[in-house]
Amino acid sequence: MPQPTLKRSLFQRIFGICATLPPRDAGCWQVEGSRVTVTLAQAPELAQPYGAVRLEGKALARRVLVYQGGDGRFHALHNRCSHMGRRLDPVPGDVGLQCCSLGRSRYDDEGHVQGGLAHGAVAVFPVTEEEGRLVIETG
């Protein structure tokens, strides 16, 4: 049985245009050193399984993908495929992520390569939920 995959056009794959967007409310997250805090009430994108946001900028040392897995747990990973450095997207109905490029590298929720052209794992960041916020340790 084939694994679920994101429906992406050739154009989107060639140029590495990912499906996951930054949060609509840029104020929903802050960075303090290596700690990232996301206020869930301000990030409705994360309210449903497979919902995700990509965090970039704000003095963040590495791009971060934050998503809710199908099991309801929150995950955070370095948002950089080990093949070509493109961004990752969660795959609805599946456990894990897929790269937005032609190589279609796949990773599980723990960052391990599951297929495609990726040559190494991606870093997984610990996530804890505290008083309606996600706390992600990136360092």
N, C-alpha and C. Protein backbone atom coordinates (compact mmCIF):
# COMPACT_ATOMS: atom_id res chain seq x y z
N MET A 1 0.84 -1.16 0.00
CA MET A 1 0.00 0.00 0.00
C MET A 1 0.90 1.24 0.00
N PRO A 2 0.66 2.21 -0.91
CA PRO A 2 1.50 3.40 -0.96
C PRO A 2 1.27 4.29 0.27
N GLN A 3 2.35 4.96 0.68
CA GLN A 3 2.25 5.86 1.82
C GLN A 3 1.59 7.17 1.38
N PRO A 4 0.87 7.83 2.31
CA PRO A 4 0.29 9.13 1.96
C PRO A 4 1.39 10.10 1.57
N THR A 5 1.08 11.01 0.68
CA THR A 5 2.04 12.02 0.26
C THR A 5 1.30 13.34 0.06
N LEU A 6 2.02 14.42 0.14
CA LEU A 6 1.41 15.72 -0.12
C LEU A 6 1.21 15.89 -1.61
N LYS A 7 0.09 16.45 -1.98
CA LYS A 7 -0.18 16.73 -3.39
C LYS A 7 0.48 18.07 -3.72
N ARG A 8 1.59 18.03 -4.42
CA ARG A 8 2.35 19.22 -4.75
C ARG A 8 2.59 19.23 -6.26
N SER A 9 2.54 20.39 -6.88
CA SER A 9 2.81 20.51 -8.32
C SER A 9 4.31 20.39 -8.57
N LEU A 10 4.66 20.11 -9.79
CA LEU A 10 6.07 20.04 -10.18
C LEU A 10 6.74 21.38 -9.90
N PHE A 11 6.06 22.47 -10.20
CA PHE A 11 6.58 23.81 -9.95
C PHE A 11 6.89 23.99 -8.46
N GLN A 12 5.96 23.59 -7.59
CA GLN A 12 6.16 23.72 -6.15
C GLN A 12 7.36 22.88 -5.69
N ARG A 13 7.52 21.71 -6.25
CA ARG A 13 8.63 20.84 -5.85
C ARG A 13 9.97 21.35 -6.38
N ILE A 14 10.01 21.82 -7.62
CA ILE A 14 11.27 22.33 -8.18
C ILE A 14 11.78 23.51 -7.35
N PHE A 15 10.88 24.41 -6.99
CA PHE A 15 11.28 25.60 -6.25
C PHE A 15 11.22 25.43 -4.74
N GLY A 16 10.87 24.24 -4.28
CA GLY A 16 10.86 23.97 -2.84
C GLY A 16 9.86 24.81 -2.07
N ILE A 17 8.68 24.99 -2.62
CA ILE A 17 7.65 25.78 -1.96
C ILE A 17 6.87 24.85 -1.03
N CYS A 18 7.03 25.07 0.26
CA CYS A 18 6.38 24.17 1.22
C CYS A 18 4.94 24.57 1.46
N ALA A 19 4.18 23.64 2.01
CA ALA A 19 2.77 23.86 2.28
C ALA A 19 2.55 24.54 3.63
N THR A 20 3.49 24.38 4.54
CA THR A 20 3.35 24.94 5.88
C THR A 20 3.73 26.41 5.87
N LEU A 21 2.84 27.24 6.40
CA LEU A 21 3.05 28.69 6.42
C LEU A 21 3.52 29.15 7.80
N PRO A 22 4.08 30.35 7.86
CA PRO A 22 4.34 30.95 9.18
C PRO A 22 3.00 31.19 9.88
N PRO A 23 3.00 31.36 11.19
CA PRO A 23 1.73 31.61 11.88
C PRO A 23 1.12 32.93 11.41
N ARG A 24 -0.21 32.95 11.32
CA ARG A 24 -0.89 34.19 10.92
C ARG A 24 -0.64 35.31 11.92
N ASP A 25 -0.56 34.96 13.19
CA ASP A 25 -0.28 35.94 14.24
C ASP A 25 1.19 35.81 14.62
N ALA A 26 2.02 36.69 14.09
CA ALA A 26 3.46 36.64 14.37
C ALA A 26 3.76 36.83 15.85
N GLY A 27 2.83 37.40 16.59
CA GLY A 27 3.03 37.61 18.02
C GLY A 27 2.77 36.37 18.86
N CYS A 28 2.43 35.26 18.24
CA CYS A 28 2.12 34.04 19.00
C CYS A 28 3.37 33.34 19.52
N TRP A 29 4.56 33.77 19.04
CA TRP A 29 5.77 33.10 19.50
C TRP A 29 6.88 34.09 19.81
N GLN A 30 7.72 33.70 20.77
CA GLN A 30 8.86 34.50 21.19
C GLN A 30 10.09 33.61 21.33
N VAL A 31 11.25 34.25 21.23
CA VAL A 31 12.53 33.55 21.40
C VAL A 31 13.29 34.22 22.53
N GLU A 32 13.78 33.41 23.46
CA GLU A 32 14.68 33.87 24.51
C GLU A 32 15.84 32.89 24.57
N GLY A 33 16.96 33.29 24.01
CA GLY A 33 18.11 32.39 23.94
C GLY A 33 17.77 31.20 23.06
N SER A 34 17.86 30.01 23.62
CA SER A 34 17.55 28.79 22.85
C SER A 34 16.13 28.28 23.12
N ARG A 35 15.35 29.07 23.83
CA ARG A 35 13.98 28.67 24.18
C ARG A 35 12.97 29.44 23.32
N VAL A 36 12.06 28.68 22.71
CA VAL A 36 10.98 29.26 21.91
C VAL A 36 9.68 28.97 22.63
N THR A 37 8.84 29.99 22.78
CA THR A 37 7.55 29.82 23.42
C THR A 37 6.45 30.17 22.42
N VAL A 38 5.47 29.26 22.27
CA VAL A 38 4.34 29.47 21.38
C VAL A 38 3.07 29.49 22.23
N THR A 39 2.30 30.57 22.13
CA THR A 39 1.04 30.68 22.85
C THR A 39 -0.04 30.03 21.99
N LEU A 40 -0.57 28.91 22.45
CA LEU A 40 -1.51 28.13 21.65
C LEU A 40 -2.79 28.88 21.30
N ALA A 41 -3.28 29.72 22.20
CA ALA A 41 -4.51 30.47 21.93
C ALA A 41 -4.33 31.43 20.75
N GLN A 42 -3.11 31.82 20.46
CA GLN A 42 -2.82 32.73 19.36
C GLN A 42 -2.35 31.98 18.11
N ALA A 43 -2.30 30.66 18.16
CA ALA A 43 -1.82 29.85 17.04
C ALA A 43 -2.87 28.80 16.68
N PRO A 44 -4.01 29.23 16.10
CA PRO A 44 -5.07 28.28 15.78
C PRO A 44 -4.64 27.22 14.76
N GLU A 45 -3.57 27.47 14.04
CA GLU A 45 -3.06 26.49 13.08
C GLU A 45 -2.68 25.18 13.76
N LEU A 46 -2.37 25.25 15.04
CA LEU A 46 -1.92 24.06 15.79
C LEU A 46 -3.06 23.36 16.53
N ALA A 47 -4.29 23.82 16.35
CA ALA A 47 -5.42 23.29 17.12
C ALA A 47 -5.88 21.91 16.69
N GLN A 48 -5.57 21.49 15.47
CA GLN A 48 -6.02 20.21 14.93
C GLN A 48 -4.84 19.30 14.61
N PRO A 49 -5.05 17.98 14.63
CA PRO A 49 -3.99 17.07 14.20
C PRO A 49 -3.49 17.44 12.80
N TYR A 50 -2.19 17.38 12.63
CA TYR A 50 -1.46 17.72 11.39
C TYR A 50 -1.40 19.21 11.13
N GLY A 51 -1.95 20.02 12.04
CA GLY A 51 -1.80 21.46 11.93
C GLY A 51 -0.36 21.83 12.23
N ALA A 52 0.17 22.83 11.52
CA ALA A 52 1.58 23.16 11.66
C ALA A 52 1.85 24.63 11.38
N VAL A 53 2.96 25.11 11.92
CA VAL A 53 3.49 26.43 11.59
C VAL A 53 5.00 26.30 11.47
N ARG A 54 5.56 27.17 10.64
CA ARG A 54 7.02 27.23 10.56
C ARG A 54 7.47 28.53 11.21
N LEU A 55 8.48 28.42 12.05
CA LEU A 55 9.00 29.57 12.78
C LEU A 55 10.37 29.92 12.21
N GLU A 56 10.51 31.17 11.78
CA GLU A 56 11.76 31.64 11.19
C GLU A 56 11.94 33.10 11.57
N GLY A 57 13.17 33.54 11.72
CA GLY A 57 13.45 34.93 12.06
C GLY A 57 13.46 35.14 13.56
N LYS A 58 13.25 36.39 14.00
CA LYS A 58 13.23 36.76 15.42
C LYS A 58 14.47 36.27 16.17
N ALA A 59 15.62 36.32 15.54
CA ALA A 59 16.89 35.88 16.14
C ALA A 59 16.92 34.38 16.43
N LEU A 60 16.06 33.63 15.79
CA LEU A 60 16.05 32.17 15.93
C LEU A 60 17.25 31.60 15.18
N ALA A 61 18.05 30.79 15.85
CA ALA A 61 19.28 30.27 15.25
C ALA A 61 18.99 29.29 14.11
N ARG A 62 17.93 28.49 14.24
CA ARG A 62 17.58 27.50 13.21
C ARG A 62 16.08 27.55 12.96
N ARG A 63 15.69 27.31 11.71
CA ARG A 63 14.26 27.25 11.39
C ARG A 63 13.63 26.10 12.17
N VAL A 64 12.40 26.31 12.64
CA VAL A 64 11.70 25.30 13.43
C VAL A 64 10.34 25.02 12.81
N LEU A 65 10.01 23.75 12.67
CA LEU A 65 8.68 23.32 12.28
C LEU A 65 7.99 22.79 13.53
N VAL A 66 6.82 23.35 13.85
CA VAL A 66 6.04 22.90 15.00
C VAL A 66 4.73 22.35 14.45
N TYR A 67 4.35 21.14 14.88
CA TYR A 67 3.11 20.56 14.40
C TYR A 67 2.51 19.63 15.44
N GLN A 68 1.20 19.42 15.28
CA GLN A 68 0.49 18.46 16.12
C GLN A 68 0.37 17.17 15.32
N GLY A 69 0.89 16.10 15.88
CA GLY A 69 0.82 14.80 15.20
C GLY A 69 -0.58 14.23 15.27
N GLY A 70 -0.79 13.17 14.54
CA GLY A 70 -2.08 12.50 14.53
C GLY A 70 -2.48 11.97 15.89
N ASP A 71 -1.50 11.79 16.77
CA ASP A 71 -1.76 11.30 18.12
C ASP A 71 -2.07 12.43 19.09
N GLY A 72 -2.11 13.69 18.60
CA GLY A 72 -2.40 14.82 19.46
C GLY A 72 -1.20 15.42 20.16
N ARG A 73 -0.03 14.77 20.04
CA ARG A 73 1.19 15.30 20.66
C ARG A 73 1.80 16.38 19.76
N PHE A 74 2.46 17.35 20.39
CA PHE A 74 3.16 18.39 19.64
C PHE A 74 4.60 17.98 19.40
N HIS A 75 5.10 18.32 18.22
CA HIS A 75 6.45 18.00 17.82
C HIS A 75 7.12 19.25 17.29
N ALA A 76 8.44 19.33 17.45
CA ALA A 76 9.22 20.44 16.89
C ALA A 76 10.52 19.86 16.36
N LEU A 77 10.84 20.22 15.13
CA LEU A 77 12.05 19.73 14.48
C LEU A 77 12.74 20.87 13.76
N HIS A 78 14.05 20.68 13.52
CA HIS A 78 14.78 21.63 12.68
C HIS A 78 14.18 21.52 11.29
N ASN A 79 13.70 22.62 10.76
CA ASN A 79 12.96 22.61 9.49
C ASN A 79 13.93 22.72 8.32
N ARG A 80 14.75 21.67 8.15
CA ARG A 80 15.75 21.67 7.09
C ARG A 80 16.05 20.23 6.69
N CYS A 81 15.63 19.84 5.49
CA CYS A 81 15.88 18.50 4.99
C CYS A 81 17.39 18.28 4.85
N SER A 82 17.86 17.11 5.17
CA SER A 82 19.29 16.82 5.07
C SER A 82 19.75 16.59 3.63
N HIS A 83 18.84 16.53 2.69
CA HIS A 83 19.22 16.35 1.29
C HIS A 83 19.63 17.68 0.66
N MET A 84 18.69 18.65 0.59
CA MET A 84 18.98 19.92 -0.06
C MET A 84 18.68 21.13 0.82
N GLY A 85 18.35 20.91 2.06
CA GLY A 85 18.10 22.02 2.97
C GLY A 85 16.73 22.65 2.83
N ARG A 86 15.84 22.01 2.11
CA ARG A 86 14.49 22.56 1.93
C ARG A 86 13.66 22.34 3.18
N ARG A 87 12.49 22.97 3.23
CA ARG A 87 11.62 22.87 4.39
C ARG A 87 10.82 21.56 4.37
N LEU A 88 10.25 21.25 5.54
CA LEU A 88 9.47 20.03 5.72
C LEU A 88 8.01 20.37 5.98
N ASP A 89 7.13 19.43 5.67
CA ASP A 89 5.70 19.56 5.91
C ASP A 89 5.18 18.28 6.54
N PRO A 90 4.25 18.38 7.53
CA PRO A 90 3.59 17.17 8.01
C PRO A 90 2.67 16.63 6.92
N VAL A 91 2.50 15.32 6.92
CA VAL A 91 1.65 14.67 5.92
C VAL A 91 0.38 14.19 6.63
N PRO A 92 -0.77 14.85 6.34
CA PRO A 92 -2.01 14.42 6.98
C PRO A 92 -2.30 12.94 6.74
N GLY A 93 -2.68 12.25 7.82
CA GLY A 93 -3.00 10.84 7.72
C GLY A 93 -1.78 9.94 7.83
N ASP A 94 -0.62 10.51 8.11
CA ASP A 94 0.61 9.73 8.17
C ASP A 94 1.38 10.14 9.43
N VAL A 95 2.31 9.31 9.82
CA VAL A 95 3.21 9.67 10.91
C VAL A 95 4.47 10.22 10.26
N GLY A 96 4.70 11.49 10.45
CA GLY A 96 5.94 12.04 9.97
C GLY A 96 5.80 13.19 9.00
N LEU A 97 6.91 13.45 8.31
CA LEU A 97 7.08 14.64 7.50
C LEU A 97 7.59 14.29 6.12
N GLN A 98 7.41 15.25 5.21
CA GLN A 98 7.91 15.08 3.84
C GLN A 98 8.60 16.37 3.43
N CYS A 99 9.70 16.25 2.72
CA CYS A 99 10.38 17.43 2.19
C CYS A 99 9.58 17.99 1.03
N CYS A 100 9.67 19.30 0.84
CA CYS A 100 8.89 19.96 -0.20
C CYS A 100 9.56 19.89 -1.58
N SER A 101 10.73 19.25 -1.70
CA SER A 101 11.44 19.24 -2.98
C SER A 101 11.11 17.99 -3.80
N LEU A 102 11.75 17.91 -4.95
CA LEU A 102 11.55 16.76 -5.85
C LEU A 102 11.97 15.44 -5.22
N GLY A 103 12.95 15.47 -4.33
CA GLY A 103 13.45 14.25 -3.70
C GLY A 103 12.45 13.58 -2.78
N ARG A 104 11.45 14.32 -2.30
CA ARG A 104 10.40 13.79 -1.44
C ARG A 104 10.92 12.97 -0.26
N SER A 105 11.98 13.44 0.35
CA SER A 105 12.51 12.75 1.52
C SER A 105 11.44 12.71 2.59
N ARG A 106 11.43 11.62 3.35
CA ARG A 106 10.43 11.42 4.40
C ARG A 106 11.15 11.17 5.72
N TYR A 107 10.56 11.72 6.78
CA TYR A 107 11.09 11.55 8.13
C TYR A 107 9.95 11.14 9.05
N ASP A 108 10.28 10.39 10.10
CA ASP A 108 9.26 10.10 11.11
C ASP A 108 9.23 11.24 12.12
N ASP A 109 8.34 11.15 13.10
CA ASP A 109 8.20 12.21 14.10
C ASP A 109 9.45 12.37 14.96
N GLU A 110 10.34 11.41 14.92
CA GLU A 110 11.59 11.48 15.69
C GLU A 110 12.75 11.97 14.84
N GLY A 111 12.47 12.39 13.59
CA GLY A 111 13.50 12.96 12.73
C GLY A 111 14.31 11.96 11.94
N HIS A 112 14.01 10.66 12.04
CA HIS A 112 14.76 9.64 11.32
C HIS A 112 14.29 9.54 9.87
N VAL A 113 15.23 9.32 8.97
CA VAL A 113 14.91 9.19 7.55
C VAL A 113 14.09 7.93 7.31
N GLN A 114 12.99 8.08 6.56
CA GLN A 114 12.12 6.95 6.22
C GLN A 114 12.14 6.66 4.73
N GLY A 115 12.71 7.55 3.93
CA GLY A 115 12.76 7.34 2.49
C GLY A 115 13.18 8.60 1.76
N GLY A 116 13.36 8.47 0.46
CA GLY A 116 13.77 9.60 -0.35
C GLY A 116 15.27 9.75 -0.39
N LEU A 117 15.74 10.93 -0.75
CA LEU A 117 17.16 11.17 -0.97
C LEU A 117 17.90 11.73 0.24
N ALA A 118 17.22 11.93 1.36
CA ALA A 118 17.86 12.46 2.57
C ALA A 118 18.97 11.51 3.02
N HIS A 119 20.05 12.10 3.53
CA HIS A 119 21.18 11.28 3.96
C HIS A 119 21.42 11.30 5.46
N GLY A 120 20.57 11.98 6.20
CA GLY A 120 20.71 12.00 7.65
C GLY A 120 19.46 12.51 8.33
N ALA A 121 19.39 12.27 9.61
CA ALA A 121 18.24 12.68 10.41
C ALA A 121 18.19 14.19 10.57
N VAL A 122 17.03 14.71 10.94
CA VAL A 122 16.90 16.11 11.31
C VAL A 122 16.78 16.19 12.83
N ALA A 123 17.27 17.30 13.39
CA ALA A 123 17.25 17.47 14.84
C ALA A 123 15.81 17.62 15.33
N VAL A 124 15.53 16.93 16.43
CA VAL A 124 14.23 17.02 17.10
C VAL A 124 14.44 17.84 18.37
N PHE A 125 13.55 18.79 18.60
CA PHE A 125 13.65 19.64 19.78
C PHE A 125 12.61 19.22 20.81
N PRO A 126 12.99 19.14 22.09
CA PRO A 126 12.02 18.79 23.13
C PRO A 126 10.92 19.85 23.23
N VAL A 127 9.69 19.37 23.38
CA VAL A 127 8.51 20.25 23.51
C VAL A 127 7.78 19.89 24.79
N THR A 128 7.49 20.91 25.59
CA THR A 128 6.63 20.71 26.75
C THR A 128 5.47 21.70 26.65
N GLU A 129 4.34 21.31 27.23
CA GLU A 129 3.16 22.17 27.23
C GLU A 129 2.98 22.69 28.64
N GLU A 130 2.99 24.02 28.79
CA GLU A 130 2.88 24.66 30.10
C GLU A 130 1.87 25.80 30.03
N GLU A 131 0.77 25.67 30.73
CA GLU A 131 -0.22 26.74 30.88
C GLU A 131 -0.63 27.35 29.53
N GLY A 132 -1.00 26.50 28.58
CA GLY A 132 -1.47 26.99 27.29
C GLY A 132 -0.39 27.45 26.34
N ARG A 133 0.84 27.10 26.66
CA ARG A 133 1.96 27.46 25.79
C ARG A 133 2.81 26.24 25.51
N LEU A 134 3.42 26.23 24.34
CA LEU A 134 4.44 25.23 24.04
C LEU A 134 5.79 25.85 24.33
N VAL A 135 6.65 25.10 25.00
CA VAL A 135 8.01 25.54 25.25
C VAL A 135 8.93 24.57 24.51
N ILE A 136 9.72 25.14 23.60
CA ILE A 136 10.59 24.34 22.73
C ILE A 136 12.03 24.72 23.02
N GLU A 137 12.85 23.72 23.34
CA GLU A 137 14.27 23.94 23.61
C GLU A 137 15.07 23.62 22.35
N THR A 138 15.64 24.64 21.72
CA THR A 138 16.35 24.43 20.44
C THR A 138 17.86 24.31 20.61
N GLY A 139 18.37 24.51 21.81
CA GLY A 139 19.83 24.52 21.98
C GLY A 139 20.40 23.36 22.70
